Amino acid sequence: AEQTGRVMIEYEKVALADRPDWLIVAGDVNSTVACALTGTKLGIPTVHLEAGLRSRDRRMPEELNRLATDVLADV
């Protein structure tokens, strides 16, 4: 939770300063979901690139990150 929160705080600074047209996040790590959540809250369309396996095992943090990011992503 601390790591995800810190990434959100720092990415928000970058996104507000640079105002990207699109946000591209890759994978299923904590930074992926943190940036996707921050970008979505700021109204930045989000693309999720994920080539990993779907474990369908919700006990795995990566699977939770992937599921949340998929819901937030526009593409």
PDB file of N, CA and C in Angstrom:
ATOM      1  N   ALA A   1       0.823  -1.198   0.000  1.00  0.00           N
ATOM      2  CA  ALA A   1       0.000   0.000   0.000  1.00  0.00           C
ATOM      3  C   ALA A   1       0.867   1.262   0.000  1.00  0.00           C
ATOM      4  N   GLU A   2       1.942   1.241   0.805  1.00  0.00           N
ATOM      5  CA  GLU A   2       2.828   2.410   0.846  1.00  0.00           C
ATOM      6  C   GLU A   2       3.485   2.654  -0.500  1.00  0.00           C
ATOM      7  N   GLN A   3       3.965   1.600  -1.117  1.00  0.00           N
ATOM      8  CA  GLN A   3       4.625   1.743  -2.409  1.00  0.00           C
ATOM      9  C   GLN A   3       3.648   2.279  -3.462  1.00  0.00           C
ATOM     10  N   THR A   4       2.464   1.731  -3.519  1.00  0.00           N
ATOM     11  CA  THR A   4       1.464   2.169  -4.483  1.00  0.00           C
ATOM     12  C   THR A   4       1.093   3.628  -4.235  1.00  0.00           C
ATOM     13  N   GLY A   5       0.905   3.988  -2.989  1.00  0.00           N
ATOM     14  CA  GLY A   5       0.577   5.370  -2.639  1.00  0.00           C
ATOM     15  C   GLY A   5       1.676   6.346  -3.020  1.00  0.00           C
ATOM     16  N   ARG A   6       2.931   5.976  -2.767  1.00  0.00           N
ATOM     17  CA  ARG A   6       4.054   6.850  -3.121  1.00  0.00           C
ATOM     18  C   ARG A   6       4.145   7.051  -4.632  1.00  0.00           C
ATOM     19  N   VAL A   7       3.936   5.964  -5.385  1.00  0.00           N
ATOM     20  CA  VAL A   7       3.963   6.086  -6.844  1.00  0.00           C
ATOM     21  C   VAL A   7       2.845   7.006  -7.319  1.00  0.00           C
ATOM     22  N   MET A   8       1.662   6.872  -6.746  1.00  0.00           N
ATOM     23  CA  MET A   8       0.550   7.743  -7.130  1.00  0.00           C
ATOM     24  C   MET A   8       0.881   9.212  -6.866  1.00  0.00           C
ATOM     25  N   ILE A   9       1.435   9.497  -5.724  1.00  0.00           N
ATOM     26  CA  ILE A   9       1.781  10.879  -5.365  1.00  0.00           C
ATOM     27  C   ILE A   9       2.808  11.444  -6.334  1.00  0.00           C
ATOM     28  N   GLU A  10       3.840  10.664  -6.637  1.00  0.00           N
ATOM     29  CA  GLU A  10       4.902  11.151  -7.528  1.00  0.00           C
ATOM     30  C   GLU A  10       4.437  11.225  -8.978  1.00  0.00           C
ATOM     31  N   TYR A  11       3.649  10.235  -9.414  1.00  0.00           N
ATOM     32  CA  TYR A  11       3.178  10.276 -10.806  1.00  0.00           C
ATOM     33  C   TYR A  11       2.204  11.437 -11.022  1.00  0.00           C
ATOM     34  N   GLU A  12       1.416  11.752 -10.032  1.00  0.00           N
ATOM     35  CA  GLU A  12       0.488  12.882 -10.169  1.00  0.00           C
ATOM     36  C   GLU A  12       1.258  14.175 -10.463  1.00  0.00           C
ATOM     37  N   LYS A  13       2.383  14.362  -9.799  1.00  0.00           N
ATOM     38  CA  LYS A  13       3.211  15.550 -10.041  1.00  0.00           C
ATOM     39  C   LYS A  13       3.668  15.601 -11.497  1.00  0.00           C
ATOM     40  N   VAL A  14       4.129  14.475 -11.997  1.00  0.00           N
ATOM     41  CA  VAL A  14       4.609  14.395 -13.384  1.00  0.00           C
ATOM     42  C   VAL A  14       3.463  14.647 -14.359  1.00  0.00           C
ATOM     43  N   ALA A  15       2.341  13.995 -14.134  1.00  0.00           N
ATOM     44  CA  ALA A  15       1.212  14.118 -15.045  1.00  0.00           C
ATOM     45  C   ALA A  15       0.654  15.543 -15.068  1.00  0.00           C
ATOM     46  N   LEU A  16       0.596  16.187 -13.924  1.00  0.00           N
ATOM     47  CA  LEU A  16       0.098  17.563 -13.885  1.00  0.00           C
ATOM     48  C   LEU A  16       1.066  18.526 -14.575  1.00  0.00           C
ATOM     49  N   ALA A  17       2.345  18.257 -14.470  1.00  0.00           N
ATOM     50  CA  ALA A  17       3.337  19.127 -15.103  1.00  0.00           C
ATOM     51  C   ALA A  17       3.389  18.914 -16.613  1.00  0.00           C
ATOM     52  N   ASP A  18       3.285  17.666 -17.057  1.00  0.00           N
ATOM     53  CA  ASP A  18       3.456  17.350 -18.472  1.00  0.00           C
ATOM     54  C   ASP A  18       2.151  17.236 -19.258  1.00  0.00           C
ATOM     55  N   ARG A  19       1.052  16.957 -18.581  1.00  0.00           N
ATOM     56  CA  ARG A  19      -0.270  16.802 -19.199  1.00  0.00           C
ATOM     57  C   ARG A  19      -0.226  15.943 -20.463  1.00  0.00           C
ATOM     58  N   PRO A  20       0.106  14.655 -20.324  1.00  0.00           N
ATOM     59  CA  PRO A  20       0.170  13.779 -21.500  1.00  0.00           C
ATOM     60  C   PRO A  20      -1.213  13.565 -22.117  1.00  0.00           C
ATOM     61  N   ASP A  21      -1.234  13.334 -23.427  1.00  0.00           N
ATOM     62  CA  ASP A  21      -2.493  13.040 -24.117  1.00  0.00           C
ATOM     63  C   ASP A  21      -3.005  11.649 -23.763  1.00  0.00           C
ATOM     64  N   TRP A  22      -2.080  10.722 -23.582  1.00  0.00           N
ATOM     65  CA  TRP A  22      -2.394   9.347 -23.243  1.00  0.00           C
ATOM     66  C   TRP A  22      -1.403   8.848 -22.198  1.00  0.00           C
ATOM     67  N   LEU A  23      -1.826   7.892 -21.407  1.00  0.00           N
ATOM     68  CA  LEU A  23      -0.967   7.214 -20.448  1.00  0.00           C
ATOM     69  C   LEU A  23      -0.890   5.751 -20.875  1.00  0.00           C
ATOM     70  N   ILE A  24       0.325   5.239 -21.023  1.00  0.00           N
ATOM     71  CA  ILE A  24       0.517   3.834 -21.356  1.00  0.00           C
ATOM     72  C   ILE A  24       1.180   3.164 -20.160  1.00  0.00           C
ATOM     73  N   VAL A  25       0.516   2.150 -19.620  1.00  0.00           N
ATOM     74  CA  VAL A  25       1.063   1.389 -18.501  1.00  0.00           C
ATOM     75  C   VAL A  25       1.280  -0.050 -18.955  1.00  0.00           C
ATOM     76  N   ALA A  26       2.341  -0.654 -18.473  1.00  0.00           N
ATOM     77  CA  ALA A  26       2.675  -2.017 -18.890  1.00  0.00           C
ATOM     78  C   ALA A  26       2.752  -2.937 -17.680  1.00  0.00           C
ATOM     79  N   GLY A  27       2.310  -4.164 -17.907  1.00  0.00           N
ATOM     80  CA  GLY A  27       2.489  -5.190 -16.897  1.00  0.00           C
ATOM     81  C   GLY A  27       1.418  -5.219 -15.826  1.00  0.00           C
ATOM     82  N   ASP A  28       1.825  -5.749 -14.667  1.00  0.00           N
ATOM     83  CA  ASP A  28       0.865  -5.956 -13.583  1.00  0.00           C
ATOM     84  C   ASP A  28       1.489  -5.690 -12.222  1.00  0.00           C
ATOM     85  N   VAL A  29       2.485  -4.811 -12.194  1.00  0.00           N
ATOM     86  CA  VAL A  29       3.151  -4.491 -10.926  1.00  0.00           C
ATOM     87  C   VAL A  29       2.417  -3.355 -10.215  1.00  0.00           C
ATOM     88  N   ASN A  30       2.828  -3.043  -9.007  1.00  0.00           N
ATOM     89  CA  ASN A  30       2.178  -1.988  -8.227  1.00  0.00           C
ATOM     90  C   ASN A  30       2.193  -0.647  -8.956  1.00  0.00           C
ATOM     91  N   SER A  31       3.293  -0.338  -9.623  1.00  0.00           N
ATOM     92  CA  SER A  31       3.386   0.940 -10.346  1.00  0.00           C
ATOM     93  C   SER A  31       2.366   1.017 -11.473  1.00  0.00           C
ATOM     94  N   THR A  32       2.053  -0.113 -12.079  1.00  0.00           N
ATOM     95  CA  THR A  32       1.077  -0.137 -13.167  1.00  0.00           C
ATOM     96  C   THR A  32      -0.282   0.338 -12.679  1.00  0.00           C
ATOM     97  N   VAL A  33      -0.782  -0.266 -11.629  1.00  0.00           N
ATOM     98  CA  VAL A  33      -2.103   0.105 -11.120  1.00  0.00           C
ATOM     99  C   VAL A  33      -2.081   1.504 -10.512  1.00  0.00           C
ATOM    100  N   ALA A  34      -0.976   1.884  -9.886  1.00  0.00           N
ATOM    101  CA  ALA A  34      -0.874   3.218  -9.283  1.00  0.00           C
ATOM    102  C   ALA A  34      -0.965   4.311 -10.342  1.00  0.00           C
ATOM    103  N   CYS A  35      -0.225   4.141 -11.423  1.00  0.00           N
ATOM    104  CA  CYS A  35      -0.261   5.150 -12.491  1.00  0.00           C
ATOM    105  C   CYS A  35      -1.603   5.138 -13.214  1.00  0.00           C
ATOM    106  N   ALA A  36      -2.174   3.964 -13.429  1.00  0.00           N
ATOM    107  CA  ALA A  36      -3.479   3.884 -14.083  1.00  0.00           C
ATOM    108  C   ALA A  36      -4.550   4.592 -13.252  1.00  0.00           C
ATOM    109  N   LEU A  37      -4.536   4.379 -11.969  1.00  0.00           N
ATOM    110  CA  LEU A  37      -5.511   5.024 -11.090  1.00  0.00           C
ATOM    111  C   LEU A  37      -5.326   6.537 -11.088  1.00  0.00           C
ATOM    112  N   THR A  38      -4.094   6.978 -10.997  1.00  0.00           N
ATOM    113  CA  THR A  38      -3.810   8.411 -10.986  1.00  0.00           C
ATOM    114  C   THR A  38      -4.205   9.047 -12.312  1.00  0.00           C
ATOM    115  N   GLY A  39      -3.803   8.429 -13.411  1.00  0.00           N
ATOM    116  CA  GLY A  39      -4.151   8.968 -14.723  1.00  0.00           C
ATOM    117  C   GLY A  39      -5.653   9.047 -14.932  1.00  0.00           C
ATOM    118  N   THR A  40      -6.355   8.012 -14.532  1.00  0.00           N
ATOM    119  CA  THR A  40      -7.808   7.997 -14.678  1.00  0.00           C
ATOM    120  C   THR A  40      -8.453   9.110 -13.864  1.00  0.00           C
ATOM    121  N   LYS A  41      -7.992   9.315 -12.652  1.00  0.00           N
ATOM    122  CA  LYS A  41      -8.532  10.391 -11.811  1.00  0.00           C
ATOM    123  C   LYS A  41      -8.279  11.763 -12.420  1.00  0.00           C
ATOM    124  N   LEU A  42      -7.191  11.885 -13.190  1.00  0.00           N
ATOM    125  CA  LEU A  42      -6.868  13.161 -13.826  1.00  0.00           C
ATOM    126  C   LEU A  42      -7.490  13.285 -15.212  1.00  0.00           C
ATOM    127  N   GLY A  43      -8.239  12.277 -15.633  1.00  0.00           N
ATOM    128  CA  GLY A  43      -8.908  12.332 -16.929  1.00  0.00           C
ATOM    129  C   GLY A  43      -7.998  12.044 -18.112  1.00  0.00           C
ATOM    130  N   ILE A  44      -6.900  11.349 -17.870  1.00  0.00           N
ATOM    131  CA  ILE A  44      -5.973  10.994 -18.947  1.00  0.00           C
ATOM    132  C   ILE A  44      -6.358   9.605 -19.463  1.00  0.00           C
ATOM    133  N   PRO A  45      -6.684   9.485 -20.752  1.00  0.00           N
ATOM    134  CA  PRO A  45      -7.006   8.162 -21.294  1.00  0.00           C
ATOM    135  C   PRO A  45      -5.826   7.211 -21.084  1.00  0.00           C
ATOM    136  N   THR A  46      -6.146   5.975 -20.723  1.00  0.00           N
ATOM    137  CA  THR A  46      -5.123   5.022 -20.326  1.00  0.00           C
ATOM    138  C   THR A  46      -5.146   3.778 -21.201  1.00  0.00           C
ATOM    139  N   VAL A  47      -3.954   3.350 -21.616  1.00  0.00           N
ATOM    140  CA  VAL A  47      -3.763   2.123 -22.380  1.00  0.00           C
ATOM    141  C   VAL A  47      -3.012   1.139 -21.489  1.00  0.00           C
ATOM    142  N   HIS A  48      -3.528  -0.084 -21.386  1.00  0.00           N
ATOM    143  CA  HIS A  48      -2.867  -1.109 -20.581  1.00  0.00           C
ATOM    144  C   HIS A  48      -2.275  -2.166 -21.506  1.00  0.00           C
ATOM    145  N   LEU A  49      -0.947  -2.293 -21.482  1.00  0.00           N
ATOM    146  CA  LEU A  49      -0.249  -3.340 -22.228  1.00  0.00           C
ATOM    147  C   LEU A  49       0.087  -4.459 -21.253  1.00  0.00           C
ATOM    148  N   GLU A  50      -0.459  -5.625 -21.501  1.00  0.00           N
ATOM    149  CA  GLU A  50      -0.225  -6.757 -20.593  1.00  0.00           C
ATOM    150  C   GLU A  50      -0.101  -8.017 -21.425  1.00  0.00           C
ATOM    151  N   ALA A  51       1.075  -8.617 -21.408  1.00  0.00           N
ATOM    152  CA  ALA A  51       1.302  -9.831 -22.179  1.00  0.00           C
ATOM    153  C   ALA A  51       1.467 -11.056 -21.286  1.00  0.00           C
ATOM    154  N   GLY A  52       1.297 -10.870 -19.985  1.00  0.00           N
ATOM    155  CA  GLY A  52       1.501 -11.980 -19.057  1.00  0.00           C
ATOM    156  C   GLY A  52       0.330 -12.941 -19.006  1.00  0.00           C
ATOM    157  N   LEU A  53       0.527 -13.984 -18.257  1.00  0.00           N
ATOM    158  CA  LEU A  53      -0.516 -14.984 -18.078  1.00  0.00           C
ATOM    159  C   LEU A  53      -1.568 -14.499 -17.102  1.00  0.00           C
ATOM    160  N   ARG A  54      -2.786 -14.917 -17.319  1.00  0.00           N
ATOM    161  CA  ARG A  54      -3.873 -14.636 -16.377  1.00  0.00           C
ATOM    162  C   ARG A  54      -3.965 -15.828 -15.440  1.00  0.00           C
ATOM    163  N   SER A  55      -3.616 -15.620 -14.197  1.00  0.00           N
ATOM    164  CA  SER A  55      -3.613 -16.735 -13.252  1.00  0.00           C
ATOM    165  C   SER A  55      -5.011 -17.026 -12.709  1.00  0.00           C
ATOM    166  N   ARG A  56      -5.851 -16.016 -12.696  1.00  0.00           N
ATOM    167  CA  ARG A  56      -7.189 -16.111 -12.095  1.00  0.00           C
ATOM    168  C   ARG A  56      -7.103 -16.415 -10.597  1.00  0.00           C
ATOM    169  N   ASP A  57      -5.922 -16.229 -10.034  1.00  0.00           N
ATOM    170  CA  ASP A  57      -5.682 -16.486  -8.613  1.00  0.00           C
ATOM    171  C   ASP A  57      -5.629 -15.141  -7.881  1.00  0.00           C
ATOM    172  N   ARG A  58      -6.712 -14.772  -7.242  1.00  0.00           N
ATOM    173  CA  ARG A  58      -6.809 -13.470  -6.585  1.00  0.00           C
ATOM    174  C   ARG A  58      -5.961 -13.372  -5.316  1.00  0.00           C
ATOM    175  N   ARG A  59      -5.287 -14.441  -4.950  1.00  0.00           N
ATOM    176  CA  ARG A  59      -4.350 -14.358  -3.830  1.00  0.00           C
ATOM    177  C   ARG A  59      -3.026 -13.743  -4.263  1.00  0.00           C
ATOM    178  N   MET A  60      -2.809 -13.646  -5.566  1.00  0.00           N
ATOM    179  CA  MET A  60      -1.563 -13.097  -6.115  1.00  0.00           C
ATOM    180  C   MET A  60      -1.719 -11.578  -6.311  1.00  0.00           C
ATOM    181  N   PRO A  61      -0.829 -10.782  -5.739  1.00  0.00           N
ATOM    182  CA  PRO A  61      -0.923  -9.331  -5.898  1.00  0.00           C
ATOM    183  C   PRO A  61      -0.921  -8.892  -7.360  1.00  0.00           C
ATOM    184  N   GLU A  62      -0.154  -9.567  -8.203  1.00  0.00           N
ATOM    185  CA  GLU A  62      -0.094  -9.199  -9.616  1.00  0.00           C
ATOM    186  C   GLU A  62      -1.445  -9.379 -10.301  1.00  0.00           C
ATOM    187  N   GLU A  63      -2.169 -10.400  -9.931  1.00  0.00           N
ATOM    188  CA  GLU A  63      -3.489 -10.627 -10.535  1.00  0.00           C
ATOM    189  C   GLU A  63      -4.460  -9.522 -10.120  1.00  0.00           C
ATOM    190  N   LEU A  64      -4.394  -9.104  -8.868  1.00  0.00           N
ATOM    191  CA  LEU A  64      -5.251  -7.992  -8.422  1.00  0.00           C
ATOM    192  C   LEU A  64      -4.884  -6.705  -9.156  1.00  0.00           C
ATOM    193  N   ASN A  65      -3.586  -6.450  -9.323  1.00  0.00           N
ATOM    194  CA  ASN A  65      -3.149  -5.267 -10.062  1.00  0.00           C
ATOM    195  C   ASN A  65      -3.654  -5.303 -11.501  1.00  0.00           C
ATOM    196  N   ARG A  66      -3.556  -6.471 -12.140  1.00  0.00           N
ATOM    197  CA  ARG A  66      -4.006  -6.610 -13.522  1.00  0.00           C
ATOM    198  C   ARG A  66      -5.507  -6.374 -13.643  1.00  0.00           C
ATOM    199  N   LEU A  67      -6.277  -6.967 -12.763  1.00  0.00           N
ATOM    200  CA  LEU A  67      -7.730  -6.802 -12.808  1.00  0.00           C
ATOM    201  C   LEU A  67      -8.132  -5.333 -12.625  1.00  0.00           C
ATOM    202  N   ALA A  68      -7.542  -4.680 -11.640  1.00  0.00           N
ATOM    203  CA  ALA A  68      -7.878  -3.276 -11.391  1.00  0.00           C
ATOM    204  C   ALA A  68      -7.458  -2.398 -12.564  1.00  0.00           C
ATOM    205  N   THR A  69      -6.273  -2.632 -13.100  1.00  0.00           N
ATOM    206  CA  THR A  69      -5.791  -1.838 -14.218  1.00  0.00           C
ATOM    207  C   THR A  69      -6.668  -2.041 -15.448  1.00  0.00           C
ATOM    208  N   ASP A  70      -7.082  -3.281 -15.707  1.00  0.00           N
ATOM    209  CA  ASP A  70      -7.958  -3.552 -16.843  1.00  0.00           C
ATOM    210  C   ASP A  70      -9.262  -2.773 -16.742  1.00  0.00           C
ATOM    211  N   VAL A  71      -9.813  -2.680 -15.564  1.00  0.00           N
ATOM    212  CA  VAL A  71     -11.075  -1.944 -15.377  1.00  0.00           C
ATOM    213  C   VAL A  71     -10.871  -0.454 -15.618  1.00  0.00           C
ATOM    214  N   LEU A  72      -9.733   0.079 -15.192  1.00  0.00           N
ATOM    215  CA  LEU A  72      -9.460   1.507 -15.326  1.00  0.00           C
ATOM    216  C   LEU A  72      -9.087   1.905 -16.747  1.00  0.00           C
ATOM    217  N   ALA A  73      -8.479   1.003 -17.491  1.00  0.00           N
ATOM    218  CA  ALA A  73      -7.938   1.339 -18.809  1.00  0.00           C
ATOM    219  C   ALA A  73      -9.042   1.571 -19.838  1.00  0.00           C
ATOM    220  N   ASP A  74      -8.765   2.520 -20.723  1.00  0.00           N
ATOM    221  CA  ASP A  74      -9.651   2.798 -21.849  1.00  0.00           C
ATOM    222  C   ASP A  74      -9.381   1.827 -23.005  1.00  0.00           C
ATOM    223  N   VAL A  75      -8.128   1.397 -23.113  1.00  0.00           N
ATOM    224  CA  VAL A  75      -7.714   0.467 -24.157  1.00  0.00           C
ATOM    225  C   VAL A  75      -6.832  -0.593 -23.523  1.00  0.00           C
TER     226      VAL A  75
END
